[in-house]
PDB file of N, CA and C in Angstrom:
ATOM      1  N   MET A   1       0.848  -1.169   0.000  1.00  0.00           N
ATOM      2  CA  MET A   1       0.000   0.000   0.000  1.00  0.00           C
ATOM      3  C   MET A   1       0.897   1.236   0.000  1.00  0.00           C
ATOM      4  N   TYR A   2       0.497   2.238  -0.774  1.00  0.00           N
ATOM      5  CA  TYR A   2       1.207   3.504  -0.763  1.00  0.00           C
ATOM      6  C   TYR A   2       0.218   4.645  -0.914  1.00  0.00           C
ATOM      7  N   ALA A   3       0.709   5.848  -0.630  1.00  0.00           N
ATOM      8  CA  ALA A   3      -0.124   7.041  -0.750  1.00  0.00           C
ATOM      9  C   ALA A   3       0.733   8.167  -1.305  1.00  0.00           C
ATOM     10  N   ILE A   4       0.075   9.141  -1.909  1.00  0.00           N
ATOM     11  CA  ILE A   4       0.755  10.345  -2.375  1.00  0.00           C
ATOM     12  C   ILE A   4       0.226  11.500  -1.541  1.00  0.00           C
ATOM     13  N   ILE A   5       1.156  12.177  -0.849  1.00  0.00           N
ATOM     14  CA  ILE A   5       0.776  13.291   0.020  1.00  0.00           C
ATOM     15  C   ILE A   5       1.402  14.571  -0.505  1.00  0.00           C
ATOM     16  N   GLU A   6       0.871  15.692  -0.055  1.00  0.00           N
ATOM     17  CA  GLU A   6       1.431  16.990  -0.418  1.00  0.00           C
ATOM     18  C   GLU A   6       1.715  17.765   0.863  1.00  0.00           C
ATOM     19  N   THR A   7       2.952  18.211   1.016  1.00  0.00           N
ATOM     20  CA  THR A   7       3.337  19.040   2.149  1.00  0.00           C
ATOM     21  C   THR A   7       4.468  19.964   1.714  1.00  0.00           C
ATOM     22  N   GLY A   8       4.388  21.203   2.123  1.00  0.00           N
ATOM     23  CA  GLY A   8       5.424  22.166   1.765  1.00  0.00           C
ATOM     24  C   GLY A   8       5.468  22.480   0.284  1.00  0.00           C
ATOM     25  N   GLY A   9       4.349  22.310  -0.423  1.00  0.00           N
ATOM     26  CA  GLY A   9       4.314  22.606  -1.847  1.00  0.00           C
ATOM     27  C   GLY A   9       4.914  21.525  -2.725  1.00  0.00           C
ATOM     28  N   LYS A  10       5.229  20.371  -2.152  1.00  0.00           N
ATOM     29  CA  LYS A  10       5.808  19.261  -2.909  1.00  0.00           C
ATOM     30  C   LYS A  10       4.976  18.006  -2.668  1.00  0.00           C
ATOM     31  N   GLN A  11       5.044  17.073  -3.610  1.00  0.00           N
ATOM     32  CA  GLN A  11       4.301  15.825  -3.488  1.00  0.00           C
ATOM     33  C   GLN A  11       5.281  14.679  -3.263  1.00  0.00           C
ATOM     34  N   TYR A  12       4.896  13.740  -2.390  1.00  0.00           N
ATOM     35  CA  TYR A  12       5.753  12.617  -2.034  1.00  0.00           C
ATOM     36  C   TYR A  12       4.956  11.326  -2.093  1.00  0.00           C
ATOM     37  N   LYS A  13       5.587  10.265  -2.600  1.00  0.00           N
ATOM     38  CA  LYS A  13       5.000   8.930  -2.566  1.00  0.00           C
ATOM     39  C   LYS A  13       5.525   8.260  -1.297  1.00  0.00           C
ATOM     40  N   VAL A  14       4.612   7.859  -0.401  1.00  0.00           N
ATOM     41  CA  VAL A  14       5.022   7.322   0.895  1.00  0.00           C
ATOM     42  C   VAL A  14       4.454   5.928   1.114  1.00  0.00           C
ATOM     43  N   GLU A  15       5.192   5.133   1.879  1.00  0.00           N
ATOM     44  CA  GLU A  15       4.771   3.809   2.306  1.00  0.00           C
ATOM     45  C   GLU A  15       5.022   3.696   3.799  1.00  0.00           C
ATOM     46  N   LYS A  16       4.402   2.727   4.429  1.00  0.00           N
ATOM     47  CA  LYS A  16       4.578   2.525   5.863  1.00  0.00           C
ATOM     48  C   LYS A  16       6.037   2.180   6.160  1.00  0.00           C
ATOM     49  N   GLY A  17       6.626   2.852   7.162  1.00  0.00           N
ATOM     50  CA  GLY A  17       8.008   2.600   7.555  1.00  0.00           C
ATOM     51  C   GLY A  17       9.035   3.445   6.824  1.00  0.00           C
ATOM     52  N   LEU A  18       8.606   4.333   5.941  1.00  0.00           N
ATOM     53  CA  LEU A  18       9.521   5.153   5.149  1.00  0.00           C
ATOM     54  C   LEU A  18       9.961   6.387   5.931  1.00  0.00           C
ATOM     55  N   LYS A  19      11.282   6.671   5.916  1.00  0.00           N
ATOM     56  CA  LYS A  19      11.794   7.920   6.471  1.00  0.00           C
ATOM     57  C   LYS A  19      11.863   8.927   5.341  1.00  0.00           C
ATOM     58  N   LEU A  20      11.448  10.151   5.630  1.00  0.00           N
ATOM     59  CA  LEU A  20      11.284  11.140   4.576  1.00  0.00           C
ATOM     60  C   LEU A  20      11.702  12.510   5.082  1.00  0.00           C
ATOM     61  N   ARG A  21      12.369  13.288   4.234  1.00  0.00           N
ATOM     62  CA  ARG A  21      12.721  14.669   4.554  1.00  0.00           C
ATOM     63  C   ARG A  21      11.770  15.594   3.812  1.00  0.00           C
ATOM     64  N   VAL A  22      11.031  16.401   4.568  1.00  0.00           N
ATOM     65  CA  VAL A  22      10.079  17.341   3.980  1.00  0.00           C
ATOM     66  C   VAL A  22      10.451  18.749   4.424  1.00  0.00           C
ATOM     67  N   GLU A  23       9.818  19.742   3.814  1.00  0.00           N
ATOM     68  CA  GLU A  23      10.044  21.124   4.236  1.00  0.00           C
ATOM     69  C   GLU A  23       9.692  21.264   5.712  1.00  0.00           C
ATOM     70  N   ARG A  24      10.321  22.209   6.380  1.00  0.00           N
ATOM     71  CA  ARG A  24      10.186  22.380   7.832  1.00  0.00           C
ATOM     72  C   ARG A  24       8.717  22.428   8.271  1.00  0.00           C
ATOM     73  N   LEU A  25       8.379  21.585   9.265  1.00  0.00           N
ATOM     74  CA  LEU A  25       7.036  21.541   9.842  1.00  0.00           C
ATOM     75  C   LEU A  25       7.075  22.116  11.261  1.00  0.00           C
ATOM     76  N   PRO A  26       6.005  22.795  11.707  1.00  0.00           N
ATOM     77  CA  PRO A  26       6.022  23.461  13.016  1.00  0.00           C
ATOM     78  C   PRO A  26       5.644  22.546  14.184  1.00  0.00           C
ATOM     79  N   TYR A  27       6.193  21.332  14.224  1.00  0.00           N
ATOM     80  CA  TYR A  27       5.891  20.390  15.298  1.00  0.00           C
ATOM     81  C   TYR A  27       7.183  20.004  16.003  1.00  0.00           C
ATOM     82  N   ASP A  28       7.088  19.634  17.278  1.00  0.00           N
ATOM     83  CA  ASP A  28       8.255  19.231  18.056  1.00  0.00           C
ATOM     84  C   ASP A  28       8.692  17.825  17.667  1.00  0.00           C
ATOM     85  N   ALA A  29       9.992  17.562  17.839  1.00  0.00           N
ATOM     86  CA  ALA A  29      10.521  16.228  17.575  1.00  0.00           C
ATOM     87  C   ALA A  29       9.890  15.243  18.552  1.00  0.00           C
ATOM     88  N   GLY A  30       9.515  14.079  18.048  1.00  0.00           N
ATOM     89  CA  GLY A  30       8.879  13.061  18.876  1.00  0.00           C
ATOM     90  C   GLY A  30       7.367  13.092  18.849  1.00  0.00           C
ATOM     91  N   SER A  31       6.780  14.134  18.274  1.00  0.00           N
ATOM     92  CA  SER A  31       5.319  14.220  18.235  1.00  0.00           C
ATOM     93  C   SER A  31       4.762  13.438  17.049  1.00  0.00           C
ATOM     94  N   THR A  32       3.512  13.015  17.176  1.00  0.00           N
ATOM     95  CA  THR A  32       2.822  12.288  16.114  1.00  0.00           C
ATOM     96  C   THR A  32       1.890  13.259  15.397  1.00  0.00           C
ATOM     97  N   ILE A  33       1.929  13.243  14.061  1.00  0.00           N
ATOM     98  CA  ILE A  33       1.125  14.170  13.271  1.00  0.00           C
ATOM     99  C   ILE A  33       0.299  13.393  12.252  1.00  0.00           C
ATOM    100  N   GLU A  34      -0.759  14.024  11.757  1.00  0.00           N
ATOM    101  CA  GLU A  34      -1.562  13.466  10.673  1.00  0.00           C
ATOM    102  C   GLU A  34      -1.415  14.362   9.457  1.00  0.00           C
ATOM    103  N   LEU A  35      -1.088  13.762   8.336  1.00  0.00           N
ATOM    104  CA  LEU A  35      -0.963  14.501   7.086  1.00  0.00           C
ATOM    105  C   LEU A  35      -2.230  14.249   6.277  1.00  0.00           C
ATOM    106  N   THR A  36      -3.111  15.247   6.224  1.00  0.00           N
ATOM    107  CA  THR A  36      -4.369  15.124   5.491  1.00  0.00           C
ATOM    108  C   THR A  36      -4.586  16.385   4.687  1.00  0.00           C
ATOM    109  N   PRO A  37      -5.303  16.408   3.625  1.00  0.00           N
ATOM    110  CA  PRO A  37      -5.793  15.219   2.941  1.00  0.00           C
ATOM    111  C   PRO A  37      -4.690  14.626   2.073  1.00  0.00           C
ATOM    112  N   ILE A  38      -4.808  13.347   1.771  1.00  0.00           N
ATOM    113  CA  ILE A  38      -3.851  12.747   0.856  1.00  0.00           C
ATOM    114  C   ILE A  38      -4.438  12.815  -0.550  1.00  0.00           C
ATOM    115  N   LEU A  39      -3.572  12.847  -1.534  1.00  0.00           N
ATOM    116  CA  LEU A  39      -4.025  12.997  -2.915  1.00  0.00           C
ATOM    117  C   LEU A  39      -4.499  11.671  -3.505  1.00  0.00           C
ATOM    118  N   LEU A  40      -3.793  10.569  -3.147  1.00  0.00           N
ATOM    119  CA  LEU A  40      -4.115   9.267  -3.725  1.00  0.00           C
ATOM    120  C   LEU A  40      -3.712   8.185  -2.738  1.00  0.00           C
ATOM    121  N   ARG A  41      -4.483   7.117  -2.681  1.00  0.00           N
ATOM    122  CA  ARG A  41      -4.149   5.972  -1.836  1.00  0.00           C
ATOM    123  C   ARG A  41      -4.406   4.708  -2.626  1.00  0.00           C
ATOM    124  N   LYS A  42      -3.400   3.829  -2.694  1.00  0.00           N
ATOM    125  CA  LYS A  42      -3.551   2.585  -3.445  1.00  0.00           C
ATOM    126  C   LYS A  42      -3.311   1.411  -2.509  1.00  0.00           C
ATOM    127  N   GLU A  43      -4.265   0.459  -2.540  1.00  0.00           N
ATOM    128  CA  GLU A  43      -4.165  -0.732  -1.698  1.00  0.00           C
ATOM    129  C   GLU A  43      -4.782  -1.909  -2.433  1.00  0.00           C
ATOM    130  N   ASP A  44      -4.012  -2.964  -2.631  1.00  0.00           N
ATOM    131  CA  ASP A  44      -4.489  -4.200  -3.268  1.00  0.00           C
ATOM    132  C   ASP A  44      -5.183  -3.957  -4.607  1.00  0.00           C
ATOM    133  N   GLY A  45      -4.620  -3.118  -5.442  1.00  0.00           N
ATOM    134  CA  GLY A  45      -5.173  -2.881  -6.765  1.00  0.00           C
ATOM    135  C   GLY A  45      -6.269  -1.850  -6.835  1.00  0.00           C
ATOM    136  N   SER A  46      -6.826  -1.440  -5.701  1.00  0.00           N
ATOM    137  CA  SER A  46      -7.867  -0.409  -5.731  1.00  0.00           C
ATOM    138  C   SER A  46      -7.246   0.951  -5.429  1.00  0.00           C
ATOM    139  N   VAL A  47      -7.700   1.949  -6.156  1.00  0.00           N
ATOM    140  CA  VAL A  47      -7.163   3.302  -6.014  1.00  0.00           C
ATOM    141  C   VAL A  47      -8.277   4.221  -5.529  1.00  0.00           C
ATOM    142  N   GLU A  48      -7.983   5.007  -4.496  1.00  0.00           N
ATOM    143  CA  GLU A  48      -8.939   5.984  -3.990  1.00  0.00           C
ATOM    144  C   GLU A  48      -8.302   7.362  -4.049  1.00  0.00           C
ATOM    145  N   LEU A  49      -9.047   8.325  -4.543  1.00  0.00           N
ATOM    146  CA  LEU A  49      -8.544   9.688  -4.669  1.00  0.00           C
ATOM    147  C   LEU A  49      -9.050  10.543  -3.518  1.00  0.00           C
ATOM    148  N   GLY A  50      -8.138  11.245  -2.857  1.00  0.00           N
ATOM    149  CA  GLY A  50      -8.501  12.215  -1.836  1.00  0.00           C
ATOM    150  C   GLY A  50      -9.095  11.672  -0.558  1.00  0.00           C
ATOM    151  N   LYS A  51      -9.007  10.370  -0.323  1.00  0.00           N
ATOM    152  CA  LYS A  51      -9.572   9.792   0.895  1.00  0.00           C
ATOM    153  C   LYS A  51      -8.453   9.158   1.707  1.00  0.00           C
ATOM    154  N   GLY A  52      -8.534   9.331   3.014  1.00  0.00           N
ATOM    155  CA  GLY A  52      -7.559   8.714   3.898  1.00  0.00           C
ATOM    156  C   GLY A  52      -6.689   9.742   4.586  1.00  0.00           C
ATOM    157  N   ARG A  53      -5.794   9.225   5.415  1.00  0.00           N
ATOM    158  CA  ARG A  53      -4.858  10.084   6.131  1.00  0.00           C
ATOM    159  C   ARG A  53      -3.585   9.303   6.400  1.00  0.00           C
ATOM    160  N   VAL A  54      -2.511  10.021   6.557  1.00  0.00           N
ATOM    161  CA  VAL A  54      -1.215   9.424   6.826  1.00  0.00           C
ATOM    162  C   VAL A  54      -0.792   9.850   8.227  1.00  0.00           C
ATOM    163  N   VAL A  55      -0.437   8.885   9.059  1.00  0.00           N
ATOM    164  CA  VAL A  55       0.047   9.158  10.413  1.00  0.00           C
ATOM    165  C   VAL A  55       1.566   9.041  10.386  1.00  0.00           C
ATOM    166  N   ALA A  56       2.245  10.079  10.896  1.00  0.00           N
ATOM    167  CA  ALA A  56       3.704  10.116  10.870  1.00  0.00           C
ATOM    168  C   ALA A  56       4.238  10.607  12.206  1.00  0.00           C
ATOM    169  N   GLU A  57       5.500  10.281  12.469  1.00  0.00           N
ATOM    170  CA  GLU A  57       6.180  10.756  13.670  1.00  0.00           C
ATOM    171  C   GLU A  57       7.309  11.682  13.253  1.00  0.00           C
ATOM    172  N   VAL A  58       7.420  12.827  13.921  1.00  0.00           N
ATOM    173  CA  VAL A  58       8.493  13.778  13.637  1.00  0.00           C
ATOM    174  C   VAL A  58       9.748  13.273  14.332  1.00  0.00           C
ATOM    175  N   LEU A  59      10.802  12.995  13.545  1.00  0.00           N
ATOM    176  CA  LEU A  59      12.042  12.479  14.112  1.00  0.00           C
ATOM    177  C   LEU A  59      12.993  13.602  14.510  1.00  0.00           C
ATOM    178  N   SER A  60      13.223  14.559  13.605  1.00  0.00           N
ATOM    179  CA  SER A  60      14.178  15.628  13.909  1.00  0.00           C
ATOM    180  C   SER A  60      13.991  16.799  12.962  1.00  0.00           C
ATOM    181  N   HIS A  61      14.615  17.914  13.335  1.00  0.00           N
ATOM    182  CA  HIS A  61      14.686  19.101  12.490  1.00  0.00           C
ATOM    183  C   HIS A  61      16.163  19.373  12.224  1.00  0.00           C
ATOM    184  N   ASP A  62      16.487  19.794  11.015  1.00  0.00           N
ATOM    185  CA  ASP A  62      17.876  20.092  10.679  1.00  0.00           C
ATOM    186  C   ASP A  62      17.901  21.004   9.466  1.00  0.00           C
ATOM    187  N   ARG A  63      19.107  21.291   8.979  1.00  0.00           N
ATOM    188  CA  ARG A  63      19.261  22.088   7.769  1.00  0.00           C
ATOM    189  C   ARG A  63      20.112  21.312   6.770  1.00  0.00           C
ATOM    190  N   GLN A  64      19.829  21.496   5.490  1.00  0.00           N
ATOM    191  CA  GLN A  64      20.544  20.777   4.447  1.00  0.00           C
ATOM    192  C   GLN A  64      21.944  21.347   4.268  1.00  0.00           C
ATOM    193  N   ARG A  65      22.723  20.701   3.405  1.00  0.00           N
ATOM    194  CA  ARG A  65      24.066  21.189   3.105  1.00  0.00           C
ATOM    195  C   ARG A  65      23.992  22.570   2.485  1.00  0.00           C
ATOM    196  N   LYS A  66      25.037  23.356   2.676  1.00  0.00           N
ATOM    197  CA  LYS A  66      25.045  24.726   2.184  1.00  0.00           C
ATOM    198  C   LYS A  66      25.151  24.760   0.658  1.00  0.00           C
ATOM    199  N   VAL A  67      24.320  25.596   0.067  1.00  0.00           N
ATOM    200  CA  VAL A  67      24.387  25.872  -1.365  1.00  0.00           C
ATOM    201  C   VAL A  67      25.048  27.233  -1.495  1.00  0.00           C
ATOM    202  N   THR A  68      26.155  27.300  -2.226  1.00  0.00           N
ATOM    203  CA  THR A  68      26.902  28.542  -2.376  1.00  0.00           C
ATOM    204  C   THR A  68      26.635  29.138  -3.747  1.00  0.00           C
ATOM    205  N   VAL A  69      26.327  30.427  -3.756  1.00  0.00           N
ATOM    206  CA  VAL A  69      26.084  31.149  -5.004  1.00  0.00           C
ATOM    207  C   VAL A  69      27.151  32.227  -5.121  1.00  0.00           C
ATOM    208  N   PHE A  70      27.845  32.271  -6.253  1.00  0.00           N
ATOM    209  CA  PHE A  70      28.861  33.288  -6.502  1.00  0.00           C
ATOM    210  C   PHE A  70      28.513  33.994  -7.796  1.00  0.00           C
ATOM    211  N   LYS A  71      28.448  35.317  -7.750  1.00  0.00           N
ATOM    212  CA  LYS A  71      28.190  36.065  -8.976  1.00  0.00           C
ATOM    213  C   LYS A  71      29.210  37.186  -9.094  1.00  0.00           C
ATOM    214  N   PHE A  72      29.552  37.505 -10.337  1.00  0.00           N
ATOM    215  CA  PHE A  72      30.541  38.549 -10.563  1.00  0.00           C
ATOM    216  C   PHE A  72      30.294  39.213 -11.906  1.00  0.00           C
ATOM    217  N   ARG A  73      30.845  40.413 -12.050  1.00  0.00           N
ATOM    218  CA  ARG A  73      30.835  41.134 -13.317  1.00  0.00           C
ATOM    219  C   ARG A  73      32.280  41.269 -13.774  1.00  0.00           C
ATOM    220  N   ALA A  74      32.534  40.833 -14.975  1.00  0.00           N
ATOM    221  CA  ALA A  74      33.893  40.882 -15.502  1.00  0.00           C
ATOM    222  C   ALA A  74      34.375  42.328 -15.629  1.00  0.00           C
ATOM    223  N   LYS A  75      35.605  42.568 -15.242  1.00  0.00           N
ATOM    224  CA  LYS A  75      36.304  43.859 -15.378  1.00  0.00           C
ATOM    225  C   LYS A  75      35.697  44.973 -14.529  1.00  0.00           C
ATOM    226  N   LYS A  76      34.831  44.667 -13.590  1.00  0.00           N
ATOM    227  CA  LYS A  76      34.174  45.706 -12.789  1.00  0.00           C
ATOM    228  C   LYS A  76      34.487  45.581 -11.295  1.00  0.00           C
ATOM    229  N   ASN A  77      35.289  44.602 -10.911  1.00  0.00           N
ATOM    230  CA  ASN A  77      35.627  44.347  -9.509  1.00  0.00           C
ATOM    231  C   ASN A  77      34.359  44.139  -8.661  1.00  0.00           C
ATOM    232  N   TYR A  78      33.384  43.421  -9.205  1.00  0.00           N
ATOM    233  CA  TYR A  78      32.131  43.138  -8.512  1.00  0.00           C
ATOM    234  C   TYR A  78      32.047  41.639  -8.252  1.00  0.00           C
ATOM    235  N   LYS A  79      32.059  41.256  -6.979  1.00  0.00           N
ATOM    236  CA  LYS A  79      31.963  39.847  -6.600  1.00  0.00           C
ATOM    237  C   LYS A  79      31.040  39.733  -5.398  1.00  0.00           C
ATOM    238  N   ARG A  80      30.149  38.743  -5.416  1.00  0.00           N
ATOM    239  CA  ARG A  80      29.239  38.507  -4.299  1.00  0.00           C
ATOM    240  C   ARG A  80      29.135  37.004  -4.022  1.00  0.00           C
ATOM    241  N   TRP A  81      29.313  36.640  -2.762  1.00  0.00           N
ATOM    242  CA  TRP A  81      29.135  35.265  -2.307  1.00  0.00           C
ATOM    243  C   TRP A  81      27.878  35.206  -1.455  1.00  0.00           C
ATOM    244  N   ARG A  82      27.047  34.236  -1.691  1.00  0.00           N
ATOM    245  CA  ARG A  82      25.862  34.017  -0.879  1.00  0.00           C
ATOM    246  C   ARG A  82      25.769  32.520  -0.559  1.00  0.00           C
ATOM    247  N   GLY A  83      25.351  32.213   0.655  1.00  0.00           N
ATOM    248  CA  GLY A  83      25.148  30.827   1.051  1.00  0.00           C
ATOM    249  C   GLY A  83      23.740  30.651   1.593  1.00  0.00           C
ATOM    250  N   HIS A  84      23.197  29.456   1.432  1.00  0.00           N
ATOM    251  CA  HIS A  84      21.843  29.184   1.918  1.00  0.00           C
ATOM    252  C   HIS A  84      21.769  27.737   2.387  1.00  0.00           C
ATOM    253  N   ARG A  85      21.153  27.536   3.558  1.00  0.00           N
ATOM    254  CA  ARG A  85      20.888  26.197   4.077  1.00  0.00           C
ATOM    255  C   ARG A  85      19.395  26.078   4.330  1.00  0.00           C
ATOM    256  N   GLN A  86      18.733  25.221   3.560  1.00  0.00           N
ATOM    257  CA  GLN A  86      17.284  25.060   3.651  1.00  0.00           C
ATOM    258  C   GLN A  86      16.919  24.185   4.850  1.00  0.00           C
ATOM    259  N   PRO A  87      16.029  24.647   5.731  1.00  0.00           N
ATOM    260  CA  PRO A  87      15.604  23.810   6.858  1.00  0.00           C
ATOM    261  C   PRO A  87      14.648  22.706   6.402  1.00  0.00           C
ATOM    262  N   TYR A  88      14.735  21.555   7.076  1.00  0.00           N
ATOM    263  CA  TYR A  88      13.840  20.447   6.759  1.00  0.00           C
ATOM    264  C   TYR A  88      13.448  19.718   8.044  1.00  0.00           C
ATOM    265  N   THR A  89      12.431  18.889   7.929  1.00  0.00           N
ATOM    266  CA  THR A  89      11.979  18.033   9.021  1.00  0.00           C
ATOM    267  C   THR A  89      12.029  16.594   8.531  1.00  0.00           C
ATOM    268  N   GLU A  90      12.607  15.712   9.333  1.00  0.00           N
ATOM    269  CA  GLU A  90      12.640  14.296   8.980  1.00  0.00           C
ATOM    270  C   GLU A  90      11.484  13.605   9.699  1.00  0.00           C
ATOM    271  N   ILE A  91      10.656  12.894   8.919  1.00  0.00           N
ATOM    272  CA  ILE A  91       9.498  12.210   9.492  1.00  0.00           C
ATOM    273  C   ILE A  91       9.563  10.719   9.169  1.00  0.00           C
ATOM    274  N   LEU A  92       8.880   9.924   9.992  1.00  0.00           N
ATOM    275  CA  LEU A  92       8.753   8.487   9.790  1.00  0.00           C
ATOM    276  C   LEU A  92       7.274   8.184   9.592  1.00  0.00           C
ATOM    277  N   ILE A  93       6.940   7.547   8.473  1.00  0.00           N
ATOM    278  CA  ILE A  93       5.547   7.209   8.172  1.00  0.00           C
ATOM    279  C   ILE A  93       5.154   5.991   9.008  1.00  0.00           C
ATOM    280  N   LYS A  94       4.179   6.185   9.903  1.00  0.00           N
ATOM    281  CA  LYS A  94       3.737   5.113  10.794  1.00  0.00           C
ATOM    282  C   LYS A  94       2.622   4.272  10.175  1.00  0.00           C
ATOM    283  N   ASP A  95       1.646   4.943   9.540  1.00  0.00           N
ATOM    284  CA  ASP A  95       0.484   4.208   9.043  1.00  0.00           C
ATOM    285  C   ASP A  95      -0.235   5.020   7.976  1.00  0.00           C
ATOM    286  N   ILE A  96      -0.914   4.318   7.084  1.00  0.00           N
ATOM    287  CA  ILE A  96      -1.780   4.941   6.084  1.00  0.00           C
ATOM    288  C   ILE A  96      -3.179   4.395   6.346  1.00  0.00           C
ATOM    289  N   LYS A  97      -4.103   5.282   6.710  1.00  0.00           N
ATOM    290  CA  LYS A  97      -5.435   4.852   7.143  1.00  0.00           C
ATOM    291  C   LYS A  97      -6.516   5.328   6.189  1.00  0.00           C
ATOM    292  N   GLU A  98      -7.661   4.629   6.256  1.00  0.00           N
ATOM    293  CA  GLU A  98      -8.847   5.075   5.530  1.00  0.00           C
ATOM    294  C   GLU A  98      -9.519   6.186   6.317  1.00  0.00           C
ATOM    295  N   VAL A  99     -10.455   6.863   5.688  1.00  0.00           N
ATOM    296  CA  VAL A  99     -11.194   7.931   6.378  1.00  0.00           C
ATOM    297  C   VAL A  99     -12.115   7.337   7.413  1.00  0.00           C
TER     298      VAL A  99
END
């Protein structure tokens, strides 16, 4: 059985027991959350659209590796360095339930 969920503006295909990194969620580590509504749920050949919920546990919060951006203008002595680390939340999919 699997489901397709949407969180943080992105869609993910999830199964029970899967660890997943999603955009930062406002929940404490160790808490149990419900991700609803789900876009699609497939079980034993039957497909249901928009029905069900996904139960997950928040494992941790962290930031991804730094992405460095360097821009310059030739012959103008213009150089700029920028770095960015995107925050994420790691979750563990506990169960996929019907409505």
